[in-house]
Protein backbone atom coordinates (compact mmCIF):
# COMPACT_ATOMS: atom_id res chain seq x y z
CA UNK A 1 20.33 -53.79 25.42
CA UNK A 2 18.02 -51.24 23.85
CA UNK A 3 18.94 -49.19 20.80
CA UNK A 4 18.76 -45.93 22.78
CA UNK A 5 21.12 -47.26 25.47
CA UNK A 6 23.65 -48.54 22.90
CA UNK A 7 23.57 -45.15 21.15
CA UNK A 8 24.05 -43.25 24.41
CA UNK A 9 26.96 -45.45 25.54
CA UNK A 10 28.68 -45.09 22.16
CA UNK A 11 28.42 -41.29 22.30
CA UNK A 12 29.86 -41.27 25.82
CA UNK A 13 32.66 -43.70 24.98
CA UNK A 14 33.84 -42.08 21.73
CA UNK A 15 34.61 -38.65 23.15
CA UNK A 16 36.85 -37.40 20.32
CA UNK A 17 34.34 -38.35 17.63
CA UNK A 18 31.53 -36.88 19.68
CA UNK A 19 33.31 -33.55 20.11
CA UNK A 20 34.20 -33.38 16.41
CA UNK A 21 30.65 -34.16 15.30
CA UNK A 22 29.33 -31.69 17.86
CA UNK A 23 31.49 -28.92 16.38
CA UNK A 24 30.35 -29.74 12.85
CA UNK A 25 26.67 -29.73 13.84
CA UNK A 26 27.11 -26.54 15.89
CA UNK A 27 28.76 -24.73 12.98
CA UNK A 28 26.10 -25.98 10.57
CA UNK A 29 23.17 -24.92 12.74
CA UNK A 30 24.82 -21.61 13.69
CA UNK A 31 25.28 -20.50 10.09
CA UNK A 32 21.84 -21.66 9.00
CA UNK A 33 20.19 -19.97 12.00
CA UNK A 34 22.20 -16.82 11.33
CA UNK A 35 21.07 -16.85 7.71
CA UNK A 36 17.41 -17.30 8.68
CA UNK A 37 17.64 -14.47 11.22
CA UNK A 38 19.30 -12.09 8.75
CA UNK A 39 16.75 -12.94 6.06
CA UNK A 40 13.87 -12.28 8.48
CA UNK A 41 15.46 -8.99 9.55
CA UNK A 42 15.93 -7.82 5.95
CA UNK A 43 12.35 -8.84 5.17
CA UNK A 44 11.06 -6.78 8.11
CA UNK A 45 13.20 -3.81 7.07
CA UNK A 46 12.00 -4.11 3.49
CA UNK A 47 8.36 -4.23 4.64
CA UNK A 48 8.81 -1.08 6.72
CA UNK A 49 10.55 0.64 3.83
CA UNK A 50 7.91 -0.43 1.32
CA UNK A 51 5.14 0.98 3.49
CA UNK A 52 6.93 4.29 3.96
CA UNK A 53 7.87 4.74 0.30
CA UNK A 54 4.89 3.13 -1.39
CA UNK A 55 4.27 2.71 -5.09
CA UNK A 56 1.72 3.86 -7.62
CA UNK A 57 -0.30 2.59 -10.56
CA UNK A 58 -1.34 5.09 -13.22
CA UNK A 59 -4.64 4.78 -15.08
CA UNK A 60 -4.64 7.13 -18.06
CA UNK A 61 -6.11 7.70 -21.48
CA UNK A 62 -4.55 5.49 -24.14
CA UNK A 63 -2.70 7.86 -26.46
CA UNK A 64 -1.69 5.04 -28.79
CA UNK A 65 -5.27 4.43 -29.96
CA UNK A 66 -5.88 7.03 -32.66
CA UNK A 67 -9.61 6.26 -32.75
CA UNK A 68 -9.99 8.00 -29.38
CA UNK A 69 -8.59 11.32 -30.58
CA UNK A 70 -9.92 13.95 -32.97
CA UNK A 71 -7.61 16.40 -34.70
CA UNK A 72 -8.75 19.66 -36.27
CA UNK A 73 -7.09 22.80 -37.51
CA UNK A 74 -7.56 25.92 -35.37
CA UNK A 75 -6.33 29.49 -35.55
CA UNK A 76 -3.37 28.78 -33.26
CA UNK A 77 -2.48 25.44 -34.79
CA UNK A 78 -3.74 21.87 -34.55
CA UNK A 79 -6.30 21.16 -31.81
CA UNK A 80 -6.48 17.68 -30.32
CA UNK A 81 -9.69 16.56 -28.64
CA UNK A 82 -10.29 13.31 -26.81
CA UNK A 83 -13.50 11.61 -28.00
CA UNK A 84 -13.13 8.25 -26.26
CA UNK A 85 -14.53 7.03 -22.94
CA UNK A 86 -13.53 9.38 -20.10
CA UNK A 87 -12.25 8.21 -16.72
CA UNK A 88 -15.10 8.71 -14.26
CA UNK A 89 -15.51 8.73 -10.49
CA UNK A 90 -17.31 5.39 -10.84
CA UNK A 91 -14.14 3.89 -12.37
CA UNK A 92 -12.11 5.35 -9.51
CA UNK A 93 -14.33 3.76 -6.86
CA UNK A 94 -14.03 0.35 -8.52
CA UNK A 95 -10.24 0.53 -8.26
CA UNK A 96 -10.30 1.96 -4.73
CA UNK A 97 -12.27 -1.13 -3.60
CA UNK A 98 -9.29 -3.40 -4.40
CA UNK A 99 -7.39 -4.57 -1.35
CA UNK A 100 -4.03 -2.80 -1.02
CA UNK A 101 -4.99 0.49 -2.70
CA UNK A 102 -4.79 3.24 -0.08
CA UNK A 103 -5.29 6.55 -1.94
CA UNK A 104 -5.49 8.19 -5.34
CA UNK A 105 -4.75 11.47 -7.05
CA UNK A 106 -6.54 12.42 -10.25
CA UNK A 107 -4.85 14.95 -12.53
CA UNK A 108 -6.64 17.32 -14.89
CA UNK A 109 -5.07 19.50 -17.56
CA UNK A 110 -5.60 23.04 -18.79
CA UNK A 111 -3.81 26.13 -20.07
CA UNK A 112 -4.47 29.70 -18.91
CA UNK A 113 -3.50 33.32 -19.29
CA UNK A 114 -2.71 35.33 -16.17
CA UNK A 115 -5.30 38.16 -16.01
CA UNK A 116 -4.39 40.22 -12.94
CA UNK A 117 -0.87 38.94 -12.21
CA UNK A 118 2.23 37.96 -14.19
CA UNK A 119 3.95 34.64 -14.82
CA UNK A 120 7.73 34.31 -14.83
CA UNK A 121 8.50 35.32 -18.41
CA UNK A 122 10.35 32.87 -20.61
CA UNK A 123 11.51 32.53 -24.17
CA UNK A 124 8.70 33.82 -26.41
CA UNK A 125 7.57 32.51 -29.78
CA UNK A 126 5.39 35.55 -30.38
CA UNK A 127 2.17 37.13 -29.19
CA UNK A 128 -0.08 34.83 -27.21
CA UNK A 129 2.70 32.56 -25.95
CA UNK A 130 2.75 34.07 -22.46
CA UNK A 131 0.52 31.39 -20.93
CA UNK A 132 1.06 28.39 -18.67
CA UNK A 133 -0.35 24.91 -18.39
CA UNK A 134 -1.81 24.01 -15.04
CA UNK A 135 -2.79 20.72 -13.41
CA UNK A 136 -5.84 20.09 -11.26
CA UNK A 137 -5.36 17.53 -8.49
CA UNK A 138 -7.42 15.56 -6.03
CA UNK A 139 -4.77 15.84 -3.33
CA UNK A 140 -1.63 17.85 -4.03
CA UNK A 141 0.26 16.02 -1.29
CA UNK A 142 0.30 12.97 -3.62
CA UNK A 143 1.20 15.05 -6.68
CA UNK A 144 4.46 13.77 -8.22
CA UNK A 145 6.18 17.15 -8.03
CA UNK A 146 5.78 17.03 -4.24
CA UNK A 147 6.37 13.31 -3.65
CA UNK A 148 9.56 13.46 -5.71
CA UNK A 149 10.72 16.60 -3.87
CA UNK A 150 10.83 18.92 -6.92
CA UNK A 151 8.27 21.10 -5.11
CA UNK A 152 8.31 21.79 -1.39
CA UNK A 153 5.38 23.44 0.36
CA UNK A 154 6.77 26.35 2.40
CA UNK A 155 3.57 28.19 3.35
CA UNK A 156 -0.08 27.26 3.79
CA UNK A 157 -1.54 23.84 3.10
CA UNK A 158 -2.04 21.28 0.36
CA UNK A 159 -5.11 21.09 -1.85
CA UNK A 160 -7.68 18.54 -0.67
CA UNK A 161 -10.47 16.68 -2.44
CA UNK A 162 -13.23 19.00 -1.18
CA UNK A 163 -11.50 22.28 -2.16
CA UNK A 164 -13.33 24.69 -4.45
CA UNK A 165 -11.31 27.20 -6.51
CA UNK A 166 -8.11 26.88 -4.47
CA UNK A 167 -4.63 27.27 -5.89
CA UNK A 168 -0.99 26.63 -4.98
CA UNK A 169 1.52 29.05 -6.48
CA UNK A 170 5.32 29.09 -6.53
CA UNK A 171 7.37 31.36 -4.29
CA UNK A 172 8.78 32.97 -7.46
CA UNK A 173 5.31 33.95 -8.74
CA UNK A 174 4.29 35.06 -5.25
CA UNK A 175 7.37 37.26 -4.90
CA UNK A 176 7.02 38.77 -8.37
CA UNK A 177 3.36 39.73 -7.76
CA UNK A 178 3.51 40.41 -3.99
CA UNK A 179 1.00 37.62 -3.36
CA UNK A 180 0.37 35.98 -0.03
CA UNK A 181 -1.94 33.36 1.47
CA UNK A 182 -5.61 34.31 1.13
CA UNK A 183 -5.09 36.53 -1.93
CA UNK A 184 -6.97 35.83 -5.14
CA UNK A 185 -5.69 35.63 -8.70
CA UNK A 186 -7.68 35.58 -11.94
CA UNK A 187 -7.03 33.27 -14.88
CA UNK A 188 -8.70 32.52 -18.22
CA UNK A 189 -8.42 29.53 -20.50
CA UNK A 190 -6.13 30.35 -23.41
CA UNK A 191 -7.68 27.98 -25.96
CA UNK A 192 -8.74 29.58 -29.24
CA UNK A 193 -12.19 28.05 -29.45
CA UNK A 194 -14.90 28.60 -26.86
CA UNK A 195 -16.13 31.46 -24.73
CA UNK A 196 -14.11 31.14 -21.54
CA UNK A 197 -14.82 33.22 -18.42
CA UNK A 198 -12.41 34.83 -15.98
CA UNK A 199 -12.05 32.53 -12.96
CA UNK A 200 -10.86 33.64 -9.54
CA UNK A 201 -8.65 31.35 -7.46
CA UNK A 202 -7.74 31.69 -3.77
CA UNK A 203 -4.11 31.11 -2.78
CA UNK A 204 -4.06 28.42 -0.06
CA UNK A 205 -0.40 27.42 -0.32
CA UNK A 206 2.98 28.49 -1.66
CA UNK A 207 5.62 26.05 -2.85
CA UNK A 208 9.28 26.40 -3.68
CA UNK A 209 10.72 24.87 -6.84
CA UNK A 210 13.81 22.91 -5.77
CA UNK A 211 15.31 21.99 -9.14
CA UNK A 212 17.64 24.01 -11.34
CA UNK A 213 15.99 26.55 -13.62
CA UNK A 214 16.88 26.13 -17.28
CA UNK A 215 17.57 29.46 -19.00
CA UNK A 216 15.96 28.19 -22.20
CA UNK A 217 12.39 27.96 -20.94
CA UNK A 218 9.12 29.19 -22.32
CA UNK A 219 6.52 30.58 -19.94
CA UNK A 220 4.52 27.38 -20.21
CA UNK A 221 7.44 24.99 -19.58
CA UNK A 222 8.87 26.91 -16.59
CA UNK A 223 7.90 24.79 -13.56
CA UNK A 224 7.71 27.91 -11.40
CA UNK A 225 4.60 28.95 -13.34
CA UNK A 226 2.65 25.84 -12.40
CA UNK A 227 -0.66 26.81 -10.80
CA UNK A 228 -1.91 23.73 -8.99
CA UNK A 229 -5.68 23.88 -8.59
CA UNK A 230 -8.64 21.71 -7.57
CA UNK A 231 -10.90 19.90 -10.03
CA UNK A 232 -13.91 22.18 -9.51
CA UNK A 233 -11.83 25.18 -10.53
CA UNK A 234 -10.58 23.31 -13.61
CA UNK A 235 -14.15 22.38 -14.53
CA UNK A 236 -15.14 26.07 -14.63
CA UNK A 237 -11.93 27.22 -16.36
CA UNK A 238 -12.35 24.67 -19.17
CA UNK A 239 -16.18 25.00 -19.22
CA UNK A 240 -16.85 21.30 -18.92
CA UNK A 241 -20.02 19.55 -17.85
CA UNK A 242 -18.17 17.19 -15.54
CA UNK A 243 -14.75 16.73 -13.95
CA UNK A 244 -12.25 15.12 -16.30
CA UNK A 245 -8.91 13.52 -15.48
CA UNK A 246 -7.04 14.32 -18.70
CA UNK A 247 -3.65 13.31 -17.32
CA UNK A 248 -4.81 10.15 -15.62
CA UNK A 249 -5.09 9.00 -12.05
CA UNK A 250 -2.32 7.75 -9.78
CA UNK A 251 -3.44 5.03 -7.37
CA UNK A 252 -1.13 4.51 -4.39
CA UNK A 253 -0.57 1.10 -2.81
CA UNK A 254 0.39 0.10 0.72
CA UNK A 255 3.05 -2.40 -0.29
CA UNK A 256 5.00 -2.07 -3.55
CA UNK A 257 5.66 -5.82 -3.46
CA UNK A 258 1.93 -6.29 -4.11
CA UNK A 259 1.85 -3.80 -6.97
CA UNK A 260 1.84 -6.38 -9.78
CA UNK A 261 -1.00 -8.30 -8.14
CA UNK A 262 -3.03 -5.11 -7.72
CA UNK A 263 -2.35 -4.06 -11.32
CA UNK A 264 -3.58 -7.46 -12.50
CA UNK A 265 -6.81 -7.08 -10.50
CA UNK A 266 -7.36 -3.61 -11.98
CA UNK A 267 -6.92 -5.05 -15.48
CA UNK A 268 -9.65 -7.58 -14.68
CA UNK A 269 -12.16 -4.82 -13.84
CA UNK A 270 -14.96 -3.96 -16.24
CA UNK A 271 -13.35 -0.80 -17.66
CA UNK A 272 -13.03 0.38 -21.25
CA UNK A 273 -9.51 -0.90 -21.95
CA UNK A 274 -9.77 0.25 -25.56
CA UNK A 275 -9.52 3.77 -24.17
CA UNK A 276 -7.43 3.31 -21.03
CA UNK A 277 -3.88 2.15 -20.30
CA UNK A 278 -2.22 1.09 -17.07
CA UNK A 279 1.39 1.68 -16.00
CA UNK A 280 3.17 0.68 -12.80
CA UNK A 281 5.62 2.97 -10.98
CA UNK A 282 7.77 1.19 -8.42
CA UNK A 283 10.87 3.33 -8.96
CA UNK A 284 10.85 5.00 -5.53
CA UNK A 285 11.07 1.69 -3.71
CA UNK A 286 13.61 0.32 -6.16
CA UNK A 287 15.74 3.43 -5.64
CA UNK A 288 16.04 2.99 -1.88
CA UNK A 289 15.62 -0.76 -1.41
CA UNK A 290 18.07 -2.16 -3.96
CA UNK A 291 20.55 -3.13 -1.23
CA UNK A 292 17.89 -4.98 0.78
CA UNK A 293 16.53 -6.97 -2.14
CA UNK A 294 20.04 -7.92 -3.26
CA UNK A 295 20.92 -8.86 0.30
CA UNK A 296 17.88 -11.11 0.58
CA UNK A 297 18.80 -12.93 -2.63
CA UNK A 298 22.36 -13.36 -1.41
CA UNK A 299 21.21 -14.70 1.97
CA UNK A 300 18.97 -17.28 0.29
CA UNK A 301 21.91 -18.56 -1.73
CA UNK A 302 24.13 -18.58 1.37
CA UNK A 303 21.56 -20.62 3.30
CA UNK A 304 21.18 -23.08 0.43
CA UNK A 305 24.95 -23.29 0.04
CA UNK A 306 25.42 -23.81 3.76
CA UNK A 307 22.87 -26.62 3.80
CA UNK A 308 24.42 -28.39 0.80
CA UNK A 309 27.96 -28.09 2.18
CA UNK A 310 26.83 -29.21 5.65
CA UNK A 311 25.06 -32.29 4.29
CA UNK A 312 28.10 -33.20 2.17
CA UNK A 313 30.46 -32.83 5.15
CA UNK A 314 28.14 -34.83 7.39
CA UNK A 315 27.81 -37.63 4.85
CA UNK A 316 31.60 -37.72 4.36
CA UNK A 317 32.38 -37.83 8.08
CA UNK A 318 29.65 -40.34 8.88
CA UNK A 319 30.62 -42.57 5.95
CA UNK A 320 34.18 -42.76 7.24
CA UNK A 321 33.05 -43.51 10.78
CA UNK A 322 30.47 -46.11 9.77
CA UNK A 323 33.06 -47.90 7.62
CA UNK A 324 35.31 -48.00 10.69
CA UNK A 325 32.44 -49.73 12.54
CA UNK A 326 32.02 -52.58 10.05
CA UNK A 327 33.08 -55.17 12.61
CA UNK A 328 30.55 -53.87 15.13
CA UNK A 329 27.91 -53.76 12.41
CA UNK A 330 28.65 -57.35 11.38
CA UNK A 331 28.34 -58.59 14.97
CA UNK A 332 25.02 -56.80 15.44
CA UNK A 333 23.71 -58.31 12.22
CA UNK A 334 24.95 -61.79 13.19
CA UNK A 335 23.09 -61.75 16.50
CA UNK A 336 19.83 -60.94 14.79
CA UNK A 337 19.58 -57.14 15.06
CA UNK A 338 17.95 -55.85 11.90
CA UNK A 339 19.60 -53.38 9.54
CA UNK A 340 16.88 -50.82 10.17
CA UNK A 341 17.59 -50.91 13.92
CA UNK A 342 21.31 -50.49 13.32
CA UNK A 343 20.70 -47.46 11.09
CA UNK A 344 18.26 -46.15 13.67
CA UNK A 345 21.02 -46.45 16.31
CA UNK A 346 23.36 -44.39 14.14
CA UNK A 347 20.63 -41.76 13.72
CA UNK A 348 19.99 -41.66 17.47
CA UNK A 349 23.70 -41.22 18.16
CA UNK A 350 23.89 -38.19 15.90
CA UNK A 351 20.62 -36.79 17.19
CA UNK A 352 21.82 -36.97 20.80
CA UNK A 353 24.73 -34.76 19.83
CA UNK A 354 22.60 -32.58 17.53
CA UNK A 355 20.05 -31.72 20.22
CA UNK A 356 22.75 -30.06 22.30
CA UNK A 357 24.49 -28.48 19.30
CA UNK A 358 21.26 -27.02 17.90
CA UNK A 359 20.31 -25.54 21.24
CA UNK A 360 23.73 -23.96 21.73
CA UNK A 361 23.53 -22.47 18.20
CA UNK A 362 20.89 -20.02 19.49
CA UNK A 363 23.60 -18.33 21.56
CA UNK A 364 26.43 -18.58 19.04
CA UNK A 365 24.19 -17.24 16.30
CA UNK A 366 23.16 -14.31 18.52
CA UNK A 367 26.85 -13.44 18.91
CA UNK A 368 27.75 -13.37 15.22
CA UNK A 369 24.51 -12.58 13.33
CA UNK A 370 24.71 -8.79 13.61
CA UNK A 371 28.34 -8.70 12.53
CA UNK A 372 27.66 -11.00 9.58
CA UNK A 373 24.64 -8.89 8.62
CA UNK A 374 26.61 -5.64 8.69
CA UNK A 375 29.41 -7.18 6.63
CA UNK A 376 27.06 -8.51 3.95
CA UNK A 377 24.94 -5.34 3.83
CA UNK A 378 27.96 -3.07 3.43
CA UNK A 379 29.37 -5.23 0.66
CA UNK A 380 26.04 -5.35 -1.17
CA UNK A 381 25.32 -1.63 -0.69
CA UNK A 382 28.68 -0.62 -2.17
CA UNK A 383 28.05 -2.67 -5.31
CA UNK A 384 24.58 -1.25 -6.02
CA UNK A 385 24.32 1.34 -8.83
CA UNK A 386 22.16 4.39 -8.25
CA UNK A 387 18.85 3.76 -10.07
CA UNK A 388 17.96 6.41 -12.63
CA UNK A 389 14.63 7.08 -14.27
CA UNK A 390 14.68 7.01 -18.06
CA UNK A 391 13.62 10.32 -19.60
CA UNK A 392 12.09 10.41 -23.07
CA UNK A 393 14.28 11.92 -25.77
CA UNK A 394 11.43 13.70 -27.56
CA UNK A 395 11.29 16.68 -25.20
CA UNK A 396 7.99 15.62 -23.63
CA UNK A 397 9.51 15.75 -20.14
CA UNK A 398 9.62 19.53 -20.43
CA UNK A 399 5.93 19.72 -21.35
CA UNK A 400 4.71 17.14 -18.85
CA UNK A 401 2.64 18.59 -16.00
CA UNK A 402 2.20 15.35 -14.06
CA UNK A 403 5.79 15.17 -12.77
CA UNK A 404 6.15 11.54 -13.83
CA UNK A 405 9.48 12.21 -15.55
CA UNK A 406 11.11 13.71 -12.46
CA UNK A 407 13.65 11.33 -10.85
CA UNK A 408 13.08 10.58 -7.17
CA UNK A 409 15.18 12.61 -4.79
CA UNK A 410 16.33 9.95 -2.32
CA UNK A 411 18.41 12.31 -0.16
CA UNK A 412 15.67 12.76 2.44
CA UNK A 413 13.92 9.45 1.99
CA UNK A 414 14.00 6.78 4.63
CA UNK A 415 17.15 4.84 3.83
CA UNK A 416 18.34 1.57 5.35
CA UNK A 417 21.94 1.92 6.52
CA UNK A 418 22.05 -1.35 8.45
CA UNK A 419 19.78 -4.27 9.31
CA UNK A 420 19.11 -4.96 12.97
CA UNK A 421 19.13 -8.71 13.49
CA UNK A 422 17.51 -10.60 16.35
CA UNK A 423 17.57 -14.37 16.72
CA UNK A 424 14.14 -15.54 17.84
CA UNK A 425 13.05 -18.91 19.30
CA UNK A 426 10.79 -19.64 16.32
CA UNK A 427 13.86 -19.83 14.11
CA UNK A 428 15.45 -22.31 16.51
CA UNK A 429 12.38 -24.50 16.09
CA UNK A 430 13.00 -24.49 12.33
CA UNK A 431 16.59 -25.57 12.99
CA UNK A 432 15.44 -28.52 15.09
CA UNK A 433 12.84 -29.67 12.56
CA UNK A 434 15.01 -29.19 9.51
CA UNK A 435 18.14 -30.38 11.34
CA UNK A 436 16.53 -33.70 12.24
CA UNK A 437 15.62 -34.17 8.59
CA UNK A 438 19.20 -33.45 7.50
CA UNK A 439 20.63 -35.83 10.11
CA UNK A 440 18.33 -38.65 9.03
CA UNK A 441 19.18 -37.98 5.38
CA UNK A 442 22.93 -37.84 6.04
CA UNK A 443 23.10 -40.96 8.21
CA UNK A 444 20.93 -42.94 5.76
CA UNK A 445 23.14 -41.93 2.84
CA UNK A 446 26.34 -42.71 4.78
CA UNK A 447 25.06 -46.15 5.89
CA UNK A 448 24.15 -47.51 2.46
CA UNK A 449 27.48 -49.11 1.50
CA UNK A 450 28.03 -50.97 4.76
CA UNK A 451 24.44 -52.01 5.42
CA UNK A 452 24.20 -53.58 1.95
CA UNK A 453 27.04 -55.99 2.85
CA UNK A 454 26.40 -59.44 4.34
CA UNK A 455 27.46 -60.06 7.99
CA UNK A 456 29.87 -62.86 6.96
CA UNK A 457 31.54 -60.62 4.36
CA UNK A 458 31.87 -57.76 6.85
CA UNK A 459 33.53 -60.01 9.45
CA UNK A 460 35.86 -61.60 6.89
CA UNK A 461 37.25 -58.20 5.94
CA UNK A 462 38.26 -57.35 9.47
CA UNK A 463 41.92 -57.94 10.53
């Protein structure tokens, strides 16, 4: 009689054992398949979320290297001038050529007086303090104040790369000066040294400041006084020979999960790293995806735990059953059937049951996977703290014009409230491949003690 026939007849004859083993294998494959499906669903959700939220890498001038900065006394106080290597458009193009970088926003810096309009007045330290810092941007849509929802464009459009002497103003400044889209305003650099001209800017957009207004504000620190302009306008205001990105450049990536790899590639570029520094900002994704990443880690441990427990249970059950078959094993050995064929018969017996159990797990997993996913997600989501950005304690957040110290407003961001799970046939294929391996491992481990015994010794121990 062939090994396959003996295995089939044993499975048919031992109905109780067959049903019990079938239930064990069905439960094992159902939970593993459910875990794989949930993990794939969370991975897909995380990918969609990462692409919608994004992440950024900031290339900026290294302020820690004193050799790059020159300090000199001026009429209004100490003047600081950067004398190191500037960030150029050539550097930008090198970084933009890296796979995964989708856009950038360079930020310039200046300070101006209002010539034919008025800023929102703040706390004054004396004559000449009624000025405001202003940033120049490549694309204001990527400017941190807008991406983090501190500013909201309510009229007009954003500043684009090809703009020339365009400006965005706040609704507060517009209301105070009766300004509207298409009007022009005049500003002048407020630095003590240099002969700076009056520069006219055309209002192309009006934004609303969404944060609370601190009563103790100077004119320059009041965010409502931010005039957001293009780089060509900044070049004329500051009387520079070329466009400069004093406050660095934010490079935006498609997938925040790739942000460390992209940052490493940027560091390998031929740039003057004695003058530049690189920082990674992944806080937006971390703020909205904490539940997903925690859920994925939990699912991995659940799958591993399920596999370990399943193998242990299988080995325990099969060890007991194989010990109960010592007499049968001894007879098979005595008539010349090799140990390897006997073990192979045991494996075939389990596999005959497993084939049906694994196939049925596709349907049982489809029934429970969504419920299990919702239960795990809700438990994980409730335990996640709300991420907060660390603000410096030296007051520099009030002076910063890049918006990098503003926490992300996640109220209107795409949030994951549940994970939609679908069991797909590809996962069932994994169950079959991996399940066969587990069955072979379990049967082999369970057969060791009996197969090592001699046929005569096995038969002598039987009643």
